[in-house]
Amino acid sequence: MAGALEKPITYFFPPFSSGPQAEDLSPKEKELVSLFRQLGHEALENVAMGQLRTLVEAADQTTRKQLWEDAKKDAEERGIELP
């Protein structure tokens, strides 16, 4: 098919992606990558990843709690009782 259409075989497959490219990163994301690379030791990298995961989980829980509180307030204003 590639020959008949005079296209390279790679034309028929989506581009391989290994994650975001450097030009797609914000300045803060670039700084995070740079700082992580400066750790230079697997044990320190594991600690950093654990701390980041904990921070993400805490932020997620805070966001869910705030969304629930906002929903309860909105329901209350509308006269709807939530559990």
N, C-alpha and C. Protein backbone atom coordinates (compact mmCIF):
# COMPACT_ATOMS: atom_id res chain seq x y z
N MET A 1 0.83 -1.18 0.00
CA MET A 1 0.00 0.00 0.00
C MET A 1 0.88 1.25 0.00
N ALA A 2 1.93 1.23 0.83
CA ALA A 2 2.82 2.39 0.91
C ALA A 2 3.41 2.70 -0.46
N GLY A 3 3.83 1.66 -1.15
CA GLY A 3 4.40 1.85 -2.47
C GLY A 3 3.38 2.39 -3.46
N ALA A 4 2.18 1.85 -3.42
CA ALA A 4 1.14 2.27 -4.35
C ALA A 4 0.77 3.73 -4.14
N LEU A 5 0.79 4.16 -2.87
CA LEU A 5 0.43 5.55 -2.56
C LEU A 5 1.64 6.47 -2.51
N GLU A 6 2.82 5.87 -2.72
CA GLU A 6 4.08 6.62 -2.70
C GLU A 6 4.26 7.38 -1.37
N LYS A 7 4.00 6.65 -0.30
CA LYS A 7 4.16 7.19 1.06
C LYS A 7 5.08 6.26 1.84
N PRO A 8 5.87 6.79 2.75
CA PRO A 8 6.68 5.90 3.58
C PRO A 8 5.78 5.09 4.51
N ILE A 9 6.26 3.93 4.92
CA ILE A 9 5.45 3.06 5.78
C ILE A 9 5.06 3.76 7.08
N THR A 10 5.93 4.64 7.57
CA THR A 10 5.64 5.35 8.82
C THR A 10 4.44 6.30 8.68
N TYR A 11 4.07 6.64 7.46
CA TYR A 11 2.92 7.50 7.20
C TYR A 11 1.63 6.89 7.76
N PHE A 12 1.58 5.55 7.82
CA PHE A 12 0.36 4.86 8.21
C PHE A 12 0.26 4.56 9.70
N PHE A 13 1.23 5.01 10.47
CA PHE A 13 1.24 4.77 11.90
C PHE A 13 1.32 6.09 12.64
N PRO A 14 0.65 6.17 13.81
CA PRO A 14 0.73 7.42 14.58
C PRO A 14 2.16 7.63 15.06
N PRO A 15 2.56 8.87 15.24
CA PRO A 15 3.92 9.12 15.72
C PRO A 15 4.12 8.54 17.11
N PHE A 16 5.30 7.99 17.32
CA PHE A 16 5.64 7.43 18.63
C PHE A 16 5.83 8.58 19.60
N SER A 17 5.24 8.45 20.76
CA SER A 17 5.38 9.51 21.76
C SER A 17 6.00 8.93 23.01
N SER A 18 7.02 9.58 23.49
CA SER A 18 7.66 9.13 24.72
C SER A 18 7.35 10.11 25.86
N GLY A 19 6.24 10.79 25.74
CA GLY A 19 5.87 11.76 26.76
C GLY A 19 5.98 13.17 26.22
N PRO A 20 5.79 14.14 27.10
CA PRO A 20 5.84 15.53 26.66
C PRO A 20 7.25 15.91 26.19
N GLN A 21 7.30 16.73 25.19
CA GLN A 21 8.56 17.24 24.69
C GLN A 21 8.94 18.49 25.49
N ALA A 22 10.23 18.83 25.49
CA ALA A 22 10.71 19.98 26.27
C ALA A 22 9.95 21.25 25.94
N GLU A 23 9.62 21.44 24.67
CA GLU A 23 8.92 22.68 24.28
C GLU A 23 7.48 22.72 24.79
N ASP A 24 6.96 21.57 25.23
CA ASP A 24 5.60 21.51 25.76
C ASP A 24 5.53 21.81 27.26
N LEU A 25 6.68 21.88 27.92
CA LEU A 25 6.72 22.07 29.36
C LEU A 25 6.69 23.55 29.74
N SER A 26 6.00 23.83 30.84
CA SER A 26 5.98 25.19 31.38
C SER A 26 7.32 25.45 32.06
N PRO A 27 7.64 26.70 32.36
CA PRO A 27 8.88 26.99 33.08
C PRO A 27 8.98 26.24 34.42
N LYS A 28 7.88 26.12 35.15
CA LYS A 28 7.92 25.41 36.43
C LYS A 28 8.16 23.92 36.22
N GLU A 29 7.56 23.35 35.18
CA GLU A 29 7.80 21.93 34.90
C GLU A 29 9.26 21.70 34.51
N LYS A 30 9.83 22.60 33.74
CA LYS A 30 11.24 22.49 33.36
C LYS A 30 12.12 22.58 34.60
N GLU A 31 11.78 23.47 35.53
CA GLU A 31 12.55 23.60 36.76
C GLU A 31 12.45 22.33 37.59
N LEU A 32 11.26 21.76 37.67
CA LEU A 32 11.06 20.52 38.41
C LEU A 32 11.93 19.40 37.84
N VAL A 33 11.95 19.25 36.54
CA VAL A 33 12.78 18.23 35.90
C VAL A 33 14.25 18.50 36.19
N SER A 34 14.66 19.75 36.08
CA SER A 34 16.06 20.11 36.33
C SER A 34 16.47 19.79 37.77
N LEU A 35 15.63 20.16 38.72
CA LEU A 35 15.93 19.89 40.13
C LEU A 35 15.98 18.38 40.40
N PHE A 36 15.05 17.64 39.81
CA PHE A 36 15.01 16.20 40.00
C PHE A 36 16.30 15.56 39.48
N ARG A 37 16.73 16.00 38.31
CA ARG A 37 17.96 15.44 37.73
C ARG A 37 19.18 15.77 38.56
N GLN A 38 19.15 16.88 39.28
CA GLN A 38 20.28 17.26 40.11
C GLN A 38 20.42 16.37 41.35
N LEU A 39 19.38 15.65 41.71
CA LEU A 39 19.46 14.77 42.87
C LEU A 39 20.55 13.72 42.66
N GLY A 40 20.57 13.14 41.48
CA GLY A 40 21.66 12.26 41.10
C GLY A 40 21.81 10.95 41.86
N HIS A 41 20.85 10.58 42.65
CA HIS A 41 20.94 9.33 43.40
C HIS A 41 19.55 8.71 43.48
N GLU A 42 19.47 7.43 43.20
CA GLU A 42 18.16 6.78 43.15
C GLU A 42 17.39 6.88 44.46
N ALA A 43 18.07 6.77 45.57
CA ALA A 43 17.38 6.86 46.87
C ALA A 43 16.76 8.24 47.05
N LEU A 44 17.49 9.27 46.69
CA LEU A 44 16.95 10.63 46.80
C LEU A 44 15.80 10.84 45.81
N GLU A 45 15.93 10.26 44.63
CA GLU A 45 14.86 10.37 43.64
C GLU A 45 13.59 9.70 44.16
N ASN A 46 13.75 8.54 44.83
CA ASN A 46 12.59 7.85 45.40
C ASN A 46 11.93 8.67 46.50
N VAL A 47 12.73 9.32 47.33
CA VAL A 47 12.18 10.18 48.38
C VAL A 47 11.40 11.33 47.74
N ALA A 48 12.00 11.96 46.73
CA ALA A 48 11.34 13.09 46.06
C ALA A 48 10.03 12.65 45.42
N MET A 49 10.02 11.49 44.78
CA MET A 49 8.79 11.00 44.16
C MET A 49 7.73 10.72 45.22
N GLY A 50 8.15 10.14 46.35
CA GLY A 50 7.20 9.88 47.43
C GLY A 50 6.59 11.16 47.98
N GLN A 51 7.43 12.17 48.15
CA GLN A 51 6.93 13.45 48.66
C GLN A 51 5.97 14.09 47.66
N LEU A 52 6.30 14.00 46.40
CA LEU A 52 5.43 14.58 45.38
C LEU A 52 4.09 13.84 45.32
N ARG A 53 4.13 12.51 45.40
CA ARG A 53 2.88 11.74 45.42
C ARG A 53 2.02 12.12 46.62
N THR A 54 2.65 12.26 47.78
CA THR A 54 1.92 12.65 48.99
C THR A 54 1.29 14.03 48.82
N LEU A 55 2.03 14.95 48.25
CA LEU A 55 1.51 16.29 48.02
C LEU A 55 0.32 16.27 47.06
N VAL A 56 0.42 15.47 46.00
CA VAL A 56 -0.67 15.36 45.03
C VAL A 56 -1.91 14.77 45.70
N GLU A 57 -1.72 13.72 46.50
CA GLU A 57 -2.85 13.10 47.21
C GLU A 57 -3.50 14.07 48.17
N ALA A 58 -2.69 14.83 48.90
CA ALA A 58 -3.22 15.82 49.85
C ALA A 58 -4.00 16.90 49.11
N ALA A 59 -3.45 17.36 48.00
CA ALA A 59 -4.14 18.39 47.22
C ALA A 59 -5.45 17.84 46.66
N ASP A 60 -5.43 16.58 46.21
CA ASP A 60 -6.63 15.96 45.67
C ASP A 60 -7.70 15.84 46.74
N GLN A 61 -7.31 15.43 47.95
CA GLN A 61 -8.26 15.32 49.06
C GLN A 61 -8.83 16.68 49.44
N THR A 62 -7.96 17.69 49.44
CA THR A 62 -8.41 19.05 49.76
C THR A 62 -9.39 19.54 48.71
N THR A 63 -9.09 19.26 47.45
CA THR A 63 -9.98 19.68 46.37
C THR A 63 -11.33 18.99 46.50
N ARG A 64 -11.33 17.66 46.75
CA ARG A 64 -12.60 16.94 46.90
C ARG A 64 -13.39 17.48 48.08
N LYS A 65 -12.71 17.76 49.18
CA LYS A 65 -13.40 18.30 50.36
C LYS A 65 -14.02 19.65 50.03
N GLN A 66 -13.25 20.51 49.34
CA GLN A 66 -13.76 21.84 48.99
C GLN A 66 -14.94 21.73 48.03
N LEU A 67 -14.85 20.82 47.06
CA LEU A 67 -15.96 20.63 46.13
C LEU A 67 -17.22 20.17 46.86
N TRP A 68 -17.06 19.26 47.84
CA TRP A 68 -18.20 18.78 48.61
C TRP A 68 -18.82 19.91 49.42
N GLU A 69 -17.96 20.71 50.05
CA GLU A 69 -18.46 21.83 50.84
C GLU A 69 -19.19 22.84 49.94
N ASP A 70 -18.64 23.10 48.77
CA ASP A 70 -19.29 24.01 47.82
C ASP A 70 -20.64 23.45 47.37
N ALA A 71 -20.69 22.13 47.12
CA ALA A 71 -21.94 21.51 46.68
C ALA A 71 -23.00 21.58 47.78
N LYS A 72 -22.57 21.33 49.04
CA LYS A 72 -23.52 21.41 50.15
C LYS A 72 -24.06 22.83 50.30
N LYS A 73 -23.18 23.81 50.18
CA LYS A 73 -23.61 25.21 50.30
C LYS A 73 -24.58 25.56 49.19
N ASP A 74 -24.27 25.14 47.98
CA ASP A 74 -25.15 25.42 46.83
C ASP A 74 -26.50 24.73 47.03
N ALA A 75 -26.48 23.49 47.48
CA ALA A 75 -27.72 22.77 47.72
C ALA A 75 -28.55 23.44 48.81
N GLU A 76 -27.89 23.86 49.87
CA GLU A 76 -28.57 24.55 50.96
C GLU A 76 -29.25 25.82 50.46
N GLU A 77 -28.54 26.55 49.62
CA GLU A 77 -29.12 27.79 49.06
C GLU A 77 -30.33 27.50 48.18
N ARG A 78 -30.38 26.31 47.60
CA ARG A 78 -31.48 25.92 46.73
C ARG A 78 -32.57 25.16 47.50
N GLY A 79 -32.36 24.96 48.79
CA GLY A 79 -33.34 24.26 49.59
C GLY A 79 -33.28 22.74 49.43
N ILE A 80 -32.15 22.23 49.01
CA ILE A 80 -31.99 20.79 48.83
C ILE A 80 -31.14 20.27 49.98
N GLU A 81 -31.62 19.17 50.59
CA GLU A 81 -30.88 18.60 51.71
C GLU A 81 -29.95 17.49 51.22
N LEU A 82 -28.69 17.60 51.56
CA LEU A 82 -27.71 16.58 51.21
C LEU A 82 -27.32 15.82 52.47
N PRO A 83 -26.90 14.56 52.32
CA PRO A 83 -26.52 13.78 53.50
C PRO A 83 -25.27 14.33 54.16
